[in-house]
PDB file of N, CA and C in Angstrom:
ATOM      1  N   MET A   1     -43.327  14.505-117.848  1.00  0.00           N
ATOM      2  CA  MET A   1     -42.935  13.171-118.260  1.00  0.00           C
ATOM      3  C   MET A   1     -42.209  13.205-119.600  1.00  0.00           C
ATOM      4  N   MET A   2     -42.578  14.096-120.469  1.00  0.00           N
ATOM      5  CA  MET A   2     -41.973  14.172-121.793  1.00  0.00           C
ATOM      6  C   MET A   2     -40.481  14.484-121.701  1.00  0.00           C
ATOM      7  N   ILE A   3     -40.075  15.378-120.815  1.00  0.00           N
ATOM      8  CA  ILE A   3     -38.656  15.718-120.653  1.00  0.00           C
ATOM      9  C   ILE A   3     -37.891  14.498-120.156  1.00  0.00           C
ATOM     10  N   ALA A   4     -38.486  13.747-119.257  1.00  0.00           N
ATOM     11  CA  ALA A   4     -37.833  12.539-118.743  1.00  0.00           C
ATOM     12  C   ALA A   4     -37.606  11.535-119.865  1.00  0.00           C
ATOM     13  N   ASP A   5     -38.587  11.361-120.729  1.00  0.00           N
ATOM     14  CA  ASP A   5     -38.448  10.426-121.853  1.00  0.00           C
ATOM     15  C   ASP A   5     -37.363  10.883-122.820  1.00  0.00           C
ATOM     16  N   ILE A   6     -37.318  12.173-123.090  1.00  0.00           N
ATOM     17  CA  ILE A   6     -36.301  12.719-123.987  1.00  0.00           C
ATOM     18  C   ILE A   6     -34.909  12.554-123.375  1.00  0.00           C
ATOM     19  N   ALA A   7     -34.780  12.837-122.086  1.00  0.00           N
ATOM     20  CA  ALA A   7     -33.486  12.695-121.405  1.00  0.00           C
ATOM     21  C   ALA A   7     -33.025  11.245-121.436  1.00  0.00           C
ATOM     22  N   ALA A   8     -33.938  10.308-121.187  1.00  0.00           N
ATOM     23  CA  ALA A   8     -33.580   8.885-121.220  1.00  0.00           C
ATOM     24  C   ALA A   8     -33.176   8.470-122.634  1.00  0.00           C
ATOM     25  N   TRP A   9     -33.874   8.967-123.639  1.00  0.00           N
ATOM     26  CA  TRP A   9     -33.553   8.646-125.031  1.00  0.00           C
ATOM     27  C   TRP A   9     -32.178   9.197-125.416  1.00  0.00           C
ATOM     28  N   ILE A  10     -31.910  10.447-125.064  1.00  0.00           N
ATOM     29  CA  ILE A  10     -30.611  11.062-125.366  1.00  0.00           C
ATOM     30  C   ILE A  10     -29.494  10.309-124.655  1.00  0.00           C
ATOM     31  N   PHE A  11     -29.721   9.959-123.392  1.00  0.00           N
ATOM     32  CA  PHE A  11     -28.725   9.222-122.626  1.00  0.00           C
ATOM     33  C   PHE A  11     -28.437   7.872-123.292  1.00  0.00           C
ATOM     34  N   THR A  12     -29.483   7.191-123.712  1.00  0.00           N
ATOM     35  CA  THR A  12     -29.311   5.896-124.390  1.00  0.00           C
ATOM     36  C   THR A  12     -28.557   6.078-125.695  1.00  0.00           C
ATOM     37  N   LEU A  13     -28.919   7.082-126.460  1.00  0.00           N
ATOM     38  CA  LEU A  13     -28.301   7.317-127.764  1.00  0.00           C
ATOM     39  C   LEU A  13     -26.818   7.680-127.653  1.00  0.00           C
ATOM     40  N   PHE A  14     -26.482   8.544-126.704  1.00  0.00           N
ATOM     41  CA  PHE A  14     -25.114   9.058-126.622  1.00  0.00           C
ATOM     42  C   PHE A  14     -24.214   8.346-125.607  1.00  0.00           C
ATOM     43  N   VAL A  15     -24.791   7.552-124.713  1.00  0.00           N
ATOM     44  CA  VAL A  15     -23.971   6.871-123.705  1.00  0.00           C
ATOM     45  C   VAL A  15     -24.112   5.357-123.813  1.00  0.00           C
ATOM     46  N   ILE A  16     -25.308   4.844-123.671  1.00  0.00           N
ATOM     47  CA  ILE A  16     -25.511   3.395-123.602  1.00  0.00           C
ATOM     48  C   ILE A  16     -25.174   2.710-124.926  1.00  0.00           C
ATOM     49  N   ASP A  17     -25.725   3.183-126.031  1.00  0.00           N
ATOM     50  CA  ASP A  17     -25.484   2.531-127.322  1.00  0.00           C
ATOM     51  C   ASP A  17     -24.000   2.525-127.705  1.00  0.00           C
ATOM     52  N   PRO A  18     -23.303   3.650-127.593  1.00  0.00           N
ATOM     53  CA  PRO A  18     -21.861   3.622-127.904  1.00  0.00           C
ATOM     54  C   PRO A  18     -21.070   2.704-126.968  1.00  0.00           C
ATOM     55  N   LEU A  19     -21.434   2.657-125.686  1.00  0.00           N
ATOM     56  CA  LEU A  19     -20.738   1.768-124.762  1.00  0.00           C
ATOM     57  C   LEU A  19     -20.958   0.302-125.131  1.00  0.00           C
ATOM     58  N   HIS A  20     -22.183  -0.034-125.513  1.00  0.00           N
ATOM     59  CA  HIS A  20     -22.469  -1.404-125.962  1.00  0.00           C
ATOM     60  C   HIS A  20     -21.597  -1.756-127.165  1.00  0.00           C
ATOM     61  N   ALA A  21     -21.583  -0.883-128.156  1.00  0.00           N
ATOM     62  CA  ALA A  21     -20.813  -1.142-129.376  1.00  0.00           C
ATOM     63  C   ALA A  21     -19.318  -1.239-129.071  1.00  0.00           C
ATOM     64  N   GLU A  22     -18.830  -0.337-128.238  1.00  0.00           N
ATOM     65  CA  GLU A  22     -17.408  -0.325-127.872  1.00  0.00           C
ATOM     66  C   GLU A  22     -17.030  -1.595-127.128  1.00  0.00           C
ATOM     67  N   MET A  23     -17.889  -2.006-126.197  1.00  0.00           N
ATOM     68  CA  MET A  23     -17.609  -3.214-125.436  1.00  0.00           C
ATOM     69  C   MET A  23     -17.571  -4.428-126.356  1.00  0.00           C
ATOM     70  N   ARG A  24     -18.564  -4.563-127.230  1.00  0.00           N
ATOM     71  CA  ARG A  24     -18.598  -5.701-128.154  1.00  0.00           C
ATOM     72  C   ARG A  24     -17.364  -5.732-129.030  1.00  0.00           C
ATOM     73  N   GLN A  25     -17.003  -4.592-129.583  1.00  0.00           N
ATOM     74  CA  GLN A  25     -15.843  -4.520-130.469  1.00  0.00           C
ATOM     75  C   GLN A  25     -14.564  -4.876-129.711  1.00  0.00           C
ATOM     76  N   HIS A  26     -14.394  -4.320-128.532  1.00  0.00           N
ATOM     77  CA  HIS A  26     -13.185  -4.568-127.755  1.00  0.00           C
ATOM     78  C   HIS A  26     -13.081  -6.035-127.344  1.00  0.00           C
ATOM     79  N   LEU A  27     -14.198  -6.605-126.896  1.00  0.00           N
ATOM     80  CA  LEU A  27     -14.190  -8.008-126.487  1.00  0.00           C
ATOM     81  C   LEU A  27     -13.927  -8.930-127.676  1.00  0.00           C
ATOM     82  N   ASP A  28     -14.496  -8.610-128.824  1.00  0.00           N
ATOM     83  CA  ASP A  28     -14.267  -9.424-130.020  1.00  0.00           C
ATOM     84  C   ASP A  28     -12.816  -9.344-130.477  1.00  0.00           C
ATOM     85  N   ASN A  29     -12.265  -8.145-130.502  1.00  0.00           N
ATOM     86  CA  ASN A  29     -10.889  -7.946-130.959  1.00  0.00           C
ATOM     87  C   ASN A  29      -9.863  -8.555-130.007  1.00  0.00           C
ATOM     88  N   ALA A  30     -10.182  -8.564-128.742  1.00  0.00           N
ATOM     89  CA  ALA A  30      -9.230  -9.039-127.737  1.00  0.00           C
ATOM     90  C   ALA A  30      -9.312 -10.552-127.528  1.00  0.00           C
ATOM     91  N   ASN A  31     -10.275 -11.205-128.197  1.00  0.00           N
ATOM     92  CA  ASN A  31     -10.513 -12.626-127.926  1.00  0.00           C
ATOM     93  C   ASN A  31     -10.590 -12.855-126.423  1.00  0.00           C
ATOM     94  N   ALA A  32     -11.425 -12.069-125.792  1.00  0.00           N
ATOM     95  CA  ALA A  32     -11.544 -12.061-124.334  1.00  0.00           C
ATOM     96  C   ALA A  32     -12.036 -13.408-123.806  1.00  0.00           C
ATOM     97  N   PRO A  33     -11.606 -13.741-122.597  1.00  0.00           N
ATOM     98  CA  PRO A  33     -12.095 -14.971-121.977  1.00  0.00           C
ATOM     99  C   PRO A  33     -13.620 -14.938-121.818  1.00  0.00           C
ATOM    100  N   VAL A  34     -14.229 -16.105-121.895  1.00  0.00           N
ATOM    101  CA  VAL A  34     -15.682 -16.216-121.787  1.00  0.00           C
ATOM    102  C   VAL A  34     -16.185 -15.594-120.482  1.00  0.00           C
ATOM    103  N   GLU A  35     -15.440 -15.770-119.407  1.00  0.00           N
ATOM    104  CA  GLU A  35     -15.844 -15.221-118.106  1.00  0.00           C
ATOM    105  C   GLU A  35     -15.958 -13.698-118.154  1.00  0.00           C
ATOM    106  N   LEU A  36     -14.999 -13.050-118.812  1.00  0.00           N
ATOM    107  CA  LEU A  36     -15.023 -11.593-118.935  1.00  0.00           C
ATOM    108  C   LEU A  36     -16.241 -11.142-119.737  1.00  0.00           C
ATOM    109  N   VAL A  37     -16.527 -11.843-120.807  1.00  0.00           N
ATOM    110  CA  VAL A  37     -17.693 -11.512-121.635  1.00  0.00           C
ATOM    111  C   VAL A  37     -18.971 -11.684-120.822  1.00  0.00           C
ATOM    112  N   GLN A  38     -19.081 -12.783-120.091  1.00  0.00           N
ATOM    113  CA  GLN A  38     -20.277 -13.042-119.287  1.00  0.00           C
ATOM    114  C   GLN A  38     -20.449 -11.992-118.187  1.00  0.00           C
ATOM    115  N   GLN A  39     -19.359 -11.641-117.510  1.00  0.00           N
ATOM    116  CA  GLN A  39     -19.445 -10.627-116.455  1.00  0.00           C
ATOM    117  C   GLN A  39     -19.857  -9.277-117.037  1.00  0.00           C
ATOM    118  N   SER A  40     -19.309  -8.920-118.182  1.00  0.00           N
ATOM    119  CA  SER A  40     -19.650  -7.645-118.814  1.00  0.00           C
ATOM    120  C   SER A  40     -21.118  -7.615-119.213  1.00  0.00           C
ATOM    121  N   ARG A  41     -21.604  -8.703-119.770  1.00  0.00           N
ATOM    122  CA  ARG A  41     -23.028  -8.774-120.163  1.00  0.00           C
ATOM    123  C   ARG A  41     -23.930  -8.716-118.937  1.00  0.00           C
ATOM    124  N   GLN A  42     -23.522  -9.404-117.864  1.00  0.00           N
ATOM    125  CA  GLN A  42     -24.311  -9.382-116.631  1.00  0.00           C
ATOM    126  C   GLN A  42     -24.377  -7.959-116.073  1.00  0.00           C
ATOM    127  N   CYS A  43     -23.261  -7.274-116.091  1.00  0.00           N
ATOM    128  CA  CYS A  43     -23.224  -5.891-115.618  1.00  0.00           C
ATOM    129  C   CYS A  43     -24.178  -5.020-116.431  1.00  0.00           C
ATOM    130  N   LEU A  44     -24.091  -5.136-117.747  1.00  0.00           N
ATOM    131  CA  LEU A  44     -24.952  -4.327-118.609  1.00  0.00           C
ATOM    132  C   LEU A  44     -26.425  -4.661-118.389  1.00  0.00           C
ATOM    133  N   ALA A  45     -26.744  -5.930-118.197  1.00  0.00           N
ATOM    134  CA  ALA A  45     -28.135  -6.332-117.972  1.00  0.00           C
ATOM    135  C   ALA A  45     -28.706  -5.693-116.713  1.00  0.00           C
ATOM    136  N   ILE A  46     -27.855  -5.517-115.712  1.00  0.00           N
ATOM    137  CA  ILE A  46     -28.294  -4.913-114.445  1.00  0.00           C
ATOM    138  C   ILE A  46     -28.256  -3.388-114.520  1.00  0.00           C
ATOM    139  N   GLU A  47     -27.170  -2.867-115.038  1.00  0.00           N
ATOM    140  CA  GLU A  47     -26.921  -1.427-114.972  1.00  0.00           C
ATOM    141  C   GLU A  47     -27.684  -0.608-116.015  1.00  0.00           C
ATOM    142  N   VAL A  48     -27.856  -1.115-117.223  1.00  0.00           N
ATOM    143  CA  VAL A  48     -28.503  -0.313-118.273  1.00  0.00           C
ATOM    144  C   VAL A  48     -29.914   0.112-117.871  1.00  0.00           C
ATOM    145  N   PRO A  49     -30.785  -0.803-117.414  1.00  0.00           N
ATOM    146  CA  PRO A  49     -32.118  -0.337-116.987  1.00  0.00           C
ATOM    147  C   PRO A  49     -32.057   0.673-115.841  1.00  0.00           C
ATOM    148  N   ARG A  50     -31.120   0.470-114.899  1.00  0.00           N
ATOM    149  CA  ARG A  50     -30.979   1.412-113.784  1.00  0.00           C
ATOM    150  C   ARG A  50     -30.551   2.784-114.288  1.00  0.00           C
ATOM    151  N   LEU A  51     -29.600   2.791-115.217  1.00  0.00           N
ATOM    152  CA  LEU A  51     -29.108   4.064-115.752  1.00  0.00           C
ATOM    153  C   LEU A  51     -30.180   4.782-116.565  1.00  0.00           C
ATOM    154  N   ILE A  52     -30.955   4.038-117.343  1.00  0.00           N
ATOM    155  CA  ILE A  52     -32.021   4.665-118.129  1.00  0.00           C
ATOM    156  C   ILE A  52     -33.097   5.233-117.203  1.00  0.00           C
ATOM    157  N   ASP A  53     -33.439   4.504-116.144  1.00  0.00           N
ATOM    158  CA  ASP A  53     -34.390   5.046-115.154  1.00  0.00           C
ATOM    159  C   ASP A  53     -33.848   6.316-114.518  1.00  0.00           C
ATOM    160  N   LYS A  54     -32.570   6.285-114.148  1.00  0.00           N
ATOM    161  CA  LYS A  54     -31.958   7.469-113.530  1.00  0.00           C
ATOM    162  C   LYS A  54     -31.966   8.635-114.514  1.00  0.00           C
ATOM    163  N   ALA A  55     -31.679   8.357-115.779  1.00  0.00           N
ATOM    164  CA  ALA A  55     -31.691   9.413-116.792  1.00  0.00           C
ATOM    165  C   ALA A  55     -33.080  10.026-116.929  1.00  0.00           C
ATOM    166  N   GLY A  56     -34.110   9.180-116.864  1.00  0.00           N
ATOM    167  CA  GLY A  56     -35.477   9.686-116.959  1.00  0.00           C
ATOM    168  C   GLY A  56     -35.891  10.491-115.737  1.00  0.00           C
ATOM    169  N   ASN A  57     -35.397  10.081-114.563  1.00  0.00           N
ATOM    170  CA  ASN A  57     -35.753  10.770-113.320  1.00  0.00           C
ATOM    171  C   ASN A  57     -34.896  11.994-113.045  1.00  0.00           C
ATOM    172  N   GLU A  58     -33.696  12.021-113.619  1.00  0.00           N
ATOM    173  CA  GLU A  58     -32.767  13.127-113.403  1.00  0.00           C
ATOM    174  C   GLU A  58     -32.235  13.624-114.751  1.00  0.00           C
ATOM    175  N   PRO A  59     -33.065  14.367-115.492  1.00  0.00           N
ATOM    176  CA  PRO A  59     -32.657  14.816-116.829  1.00  0.00           C
ATOM    177  C   PRO A  59     -31.373  15.652-116.827  1.00  0.00           C
ATOM    178  N   GLY A  60     -31.144  16.417-115.791  1.00  0.00           N
ATOM    179  CA  GLY A  60     -29.913  17.213-115.705  1.00  0.00           C
ATOM    180  C   GLY A  60     -28.684  16.328-115.632  1.00  0.00           C
ATOM    181  N   TRP A  61     -28.769  15.273-114.807  1.00  0.00           N
ATOM    182  CA  TRP A  61     -27.668  14.312-114.708  1.00  0.00           C
ATOM    183  C   TRP A  61     -27.448  13.625-116.046  1.00  0.00           C
ATOM    184  N   ALA A  62     -28.533  13.218-116.691  1.00  0.00           N
ATOM    185  CA  ALA A  62     -28.427  12.510-117.970  1.00  0.00           C
ATOM    186  C   ALA A  62     -27.748  13.373-119.023  1.00  0.00           C
ATOM    187  N   THR A  63     -28.159  14.626-119.104  1.00  0.00           N
ATOM    188  CA  THR A  63     -27.589  15.536-120.090  1.00  0.00           C
ATOM    189  C   THR A  63     -26.119  15.805-119.793  1.00  0.00           C
ATOM    190  N   ALA A  64     -25.810  16.106-118.540  1.00  0.00           N
ATOM    191  CA  ALA A  64     -24.416  16.388-118.164  1.00  0.00           C
ATOM    192  C   ALA A  64     -23.531  15.165-118.405  1.00  0.00           C
ATOM    193  N   THR A  65     -24.028  13.985-118.077  1.00  0.00           N
ATOM    194  CA  THR A  65     -23.251  12.764-118.263  1.00  0.00           C
ATOM    195  C   THR A  65     -23.037  12.478-119.745  1.00  0.00           C
ATOM    196  N   ALA A  66     -24.090  12.594-120.540  1.00  0.00           N
ATOM    197  CA  ALA A  66     -23.975  12.345-121.981  1.00  0.00           C
ATOM    198  C   ALA A  66     -22.976  13.309-122.618  1.00  0.00           C
ATOM    199  N   ILE A  67     -23.069  14.582-122.279  1.00  0.00           N
ATOM    200  CA  ILE A  67     -22.141  15.574-122.830  1.00  0.00           C
ATOM    201  C   ILE A  67     -20.729  15.306-122.325  1.00  0.00           C
ATOM    202  N   GLY A  68     -20.587  15.054-121.027  1.00  0.00           N
ATOM    203  CA  GLY A  68     -19.270  14.798-120.439  1.00  0.00           C
ATOM    204  C   GLY A  68     -18.565  13.626-121.085  1.00  0.00           C
ATOM    205  N   ILE A  69     -19.281  12.538-121.311  1.00  0.00           N
ATOM    206  CA  ILE A  69     -18.682  11.365-121.947  1.00  0.00           C
ATOM    207  C   ILE A  69     -18.406  11.639-123.417  1.00  0.00           C
ATOM    208  N   SER A  70     -19.339  12.285-124.100  1.00  0.00           N
ATOM    209  CA  SER A  70     -19.182  12.553-125.537  1.00  0.00           C
ATOM    210  C   SER A  70     -17.965  13.412-125.851  1.00  0.00           C
ATOM    211  N   ILE A  71     -17.674  14.384-124.984  1.00  0.00           N
ATOM    212  CA  ILE A  71     -16.546  15.276-125.272  1.00  0.00           C
ATOM    213  C   ILE A  71     -15.280  14.913-124.499  1.00  0.00           C
ATOM    214  N   GLY A  72     -15.363  13.816-123.719  1.00  0.00           N
ATOM    215  CA  GLY A  72     -14.168  13.321-123.056  1.00  0.00           C
ATOM    216  C   GLY A  72     -13.873  13.903-121.689  1.00  0.00           C
ATOM    217  N   TRP A  73     -14.793  14.658-121.123  1.00  0.00           N
ATOM    218  CA  TRP A  73     -14.585  15.216-119.786  1.00  0.00           C
ATOM    219  C   TRP A  73     -14.810  14.179-118.697  1.00  0.00           C
ATOM    220  N   MET A  74     -15.579  13.150-119.031  1.00  0.00           N
ATOM    221  CA  MET A  74     -15.930  12.126-118.045  1.00  0.00           C
ATOM    222  C   MET A  74     -15.655  10.761-118.648  1.00  0.00           C
ATOM    223  N   SER A  75     -15.057   9.898-117.866  1.00  0.00           N
ATOM    224  CA  SER A  75     -14.772   8.547-118.328  1.00  0.00           C
ATOM    225  C   SER A  75     -16.039   7.702-118.243  1.00  0.00           C
ATOM    226  N   PRO A  76     -16.353   6.932-119.282  1.00  0.00           N
ATOM    227  CA  PRO A  76     -17.599   6.163-119.287  1.00  0.00           C
ATOM    228  C   PRO A  76     -17.703   5.121-118.182  1.00  0.00           C
ATOM    229  N   GLU A  77     -16.583   4.604-117.702  1.00  0.00           N
ATOM    230  CA  GLU A  77     -16.691   3.572-116.663  1.00  0.00           C
ATOM    231  C   GLU A  77     -17.280   4.113-115.370  1.00  0.00           C
ATOM    232  N   ARG A  78     -17.286   5.427-115.207  1.00  0.00           N
ATOM    233  CA  ARG A  78     -17.816   6.027-113.976  1.00  0.00           C
ATOM    234  C   ARG A  78     -19.329   5.863-113.835  1.00  0.00           C
ATOM    235  N   VAL A  79     -20.037   5.574-114.924  1.00  0.00           N
ATOM    236  CA  VAL A  79     -21.496   5.417-114.816  1.00  0.00           C
ATOM    237  C   VAL A  79     -21.892   4.059-114.252  1.00  0.00           C
ATOM    238  N   PHE A  80     -20.965   3.098-114.256  1.00  0.00           N
ATOM    239  CA  PHE A  80     -21.283   1.761-113.765  1.00  0.00           C
ATOM    240  C   PHE A  80     -20.973   1.639-112.280  1.00  0.00           C
ATOM    241  N   ASP A  81     -21.783   0.877-111.588  1.00  0.00           N
ATOM    242  CA  ASP A  81     -21.671   0.697-110.141  1.00  0.00           C
ATOM    243  C   ASP A  81     -20.345   0.036-109.791  1.00  0.00           C
ATOM    244  N   GLY A  82     -19.503   0.763-109.075  1.00  0.00           N
ATOM    245  CA  GLY A  82     -18.207   0.239-108.674  1.00  0.00           C
ATOM    246  C   GLY A  82     -18.306  -0.858-107.630  1.00  0.00           C
ATOM    247  N   ALA A  83     -19.428  -0.953-106.940  1.00  0.00           N
ATOM    248  CA  ALA A  83     -19.596  -1.970-105.909  1.00  0.00           C
ATOM    249  C   ALA A  83     -20.055  -3.309-106.486  1.00  0.00           C
ATOM    250  N   ASP A  84     -20.548  -3.311-107.709  1.00  0.00           N
ATOM    251  CA  ASP A  84     -21.038  -4.545-108.327  1.00  0.00           C
ATOM    252  C   ASP A  84     -19.859  -5.319-108.904  1.00  0.00           C
ATOM    253  N   PRO A  85     -19.588  -6.527-108.389  1.00  0.00           N
ATOM    254  CA  PRO A  85     -18.435  -7.292-108.866  1.00  0.00           C
ATOM    255  C   PRO A  85     -18.503  -7.614-110.357  1.00  0.00           C
ATOM    256  N   SER A  86     -19.706  -7.801-110.894  1.00  0.00           N
ATOM    257  CA  SER A  86     -19.809  -8.114-112.319  1.00  0.00           C
ATOM    258  C   SER A  86     -19.419  -6.918-113.186  1.00  0.00           C
ATOM    259  N   CYS A  87     -19.490  -5.720-112.616  1.00  0.00           N
ATOM    260  CA  CYS A  87     -19.118  -4.524-113.375  1.00  0.00           C
ATOM    261  C   CYS A  87     -17.632  -4.213-113.276  1.00  0.00           C
ATOM    262  N   GLY A  88     -16.943  -4.852-112.345  1.00  0.00           N
ATOM    263  CA  GLY A  88     -15.504  -4.606-112.196  1.00  0.00           C
ATOM    264  C   GLY A  88     -14.745  -4.891-113.473  1.00  0.00           C
ATOM    265  N   ALA A  89     -15.068  -6.008-114.122  1.00  0.00           N
ATOM    266  CA  ALA A  89     -14.383  -6.381-115.360  1.00  0.00           C
ATOM    267  C   ALA A  89     -14.679  -5.367-116.466  1.00  0.00           C
ATOM    268  N   LEU A  90     -15.927  -4.948-116.566  1.00  0.00           N
ATOM    269  CA  LEU A  90     -16.304  -3.979-117.601  1.00  0.00           C
ATOM    270  C   LEU A  90     -15.658  -2.626-117.340  1.00  0.00           C
ATOM    271  N   ARG A  91     -15.669  -2.195-116.090  1.00  0.00           N
ATOM    272  CA  ARG A  91     -15.022  -0.916-115.745  1.00  0.00           C
ATOM    273  C   ARG A  91     -13.535  -0.962-116.073  1.00  0.00           C
ATOM    274  N   ALA A  92     -12.883  -2.086-115.749  1.00  0.00           N
ATOM    275  CA  ALA A  92     -11.454  -2.228-116.036  1.00  0.00           C
ATOM    276  C   ALA A  92     -11.201  -2.228-117.539  1.00  0.00           C
ATOM    277  N   LEU A  93     -12.067  -2.898-118.287  1.00  0.00           N
ATOM    278  CA  LEU A  93     -11.931  -2.958-119.739  1.00  0.00           C
ATOM    279  C   LEU A  93     -12.036  -1.561-120.346  1.00  0.00           C
ATOM    280  N   ILE A  94     -13.029  -0.808-119.936  1.00  0.00           N
ATOM    281  CA  ILE A  94     -13.222   0.553-120.453  1.00  0.00           C
ATOM    282  C   ILE A  94     -12.068   1.452-120.012  1.00  0.00           C
ATOM    283  N   SER A  95     -11.673   1.341-118.756  1.00  0.00           N
ATOM    284  CA  SER A  95     -10.587   2.156-118.225  1.00  0.00           C
ATOM    285  C   SER A  95      -9.278   1.896-118.960  1.00  0.00           C
ATOM    286  N   THR A  96      -8.969   0.622-119.196  1.00  0.00           N
ATOM    287  CA  THR A  96      -7.735   0.257-119.903  1.00  0.00           C
ATOM    288  C   THR A  96      -7.746   0.815-121.316  1.00  0.00           C
ATOM    289  N   LYS A  97      -8.884   0.699-122.005  1.00  0.00           N
ATOM    290  CA  LYS A  97      -8.990   1.200-123.365  1.00  0.00           C
ATOM    291  C   LYS A  97      -8.801   2.711-123.387  1.00  0.00           C
ATOM    292  N   ASN A  98      -9.439   3.423-122.447  1.00  0.00           N
ATOM    293  CA  ASN A  98      -9.330   4.881-122.415  1.00  0.00           C
ATOM    294  C   ASN A  98      -7.914   5.320-122.068  1.00  0.00           C
ATOM    295  N   THR A  99      -7.234   4.585-121.193  1.00  0.00           N
ATOM    296  CA  THR A  99      -5.854   4.918-120.832  1.00  0.00           C
ATOM    297  C   THR A  99      -4.948   4.762-122.048  1.00  0.00           C
ATOM    298  N   ARG A 100      -5.137   3.667-122.802  1.00  0.00           N
ATOM    299  CA  ARG A 100      -4.328   3.449-124.002  1.00  0.00           C
ATOM    300  C   ARG A 100      -4.567   4.548-125.040  1.00  0.00           C
ATOM    301  N   GLU A 101      -5.831   4.979-125.201  1.00  0.00           N
ATOM    302  CA  GLU A 101      -6.128   6.041-126.169  1.00  0.00           C
ATOM    303  C   GLU A 101      -5.495   7.346-125.743  1.00  0.00           C
ATOM    304  N   ALA A 102      -5.510   7.647-124.453  1.00  0.00           N
ATOM    305  CA  ALA A 102      -4.925   8.893-123.954  1.00  0.00           C
ATOM    306  C   ALA A 102      -3.414   8.913-124.153  1.00  0.00           C
ATOM    307  N   GLU A 103      -2.778   7.740-124.023  1.00  0.00           N
ATOM    308  CA  GLU A 103      -1.332   7.675-124.183  1.00  0.00           C
ATOM    309  C   GLU A 103      -0.920   7.719-125.642  1.00  0.00           C
ATOM    310  N   GLY A 104      -1.784   7.168-126.507  1.00  0.00           N
ATOM    311  CA  GLY A 104      -1.436   7.067-127.929  1.00  0.00           C
ATOM    312  C   GLY A 104      -1.798   8.273-128.633  1.00  0.00           C
TER     313      GLY A 104
END
């Protein structure tokens, strides 16, 4: 159980917390429509607990994902459920930001 807790903590520290901060900053700077903000928050409310549970149950996945996102091998939007309509806006927001950074 201890490894699961550590994996979930590392995943939260290196993936979830930075994504929260990035999303807030991007939405604030973009003067995003209220609907986009609400959809993004709804997605996070659903997905964050699921991702933390998955990180605790699959420490290898959590570690690989945290490292992959931290060093740029994996795009952060890939951790969110593509089938969830509320996450579509958040995935697009993250994807657009990452595309702009790669081009610049």
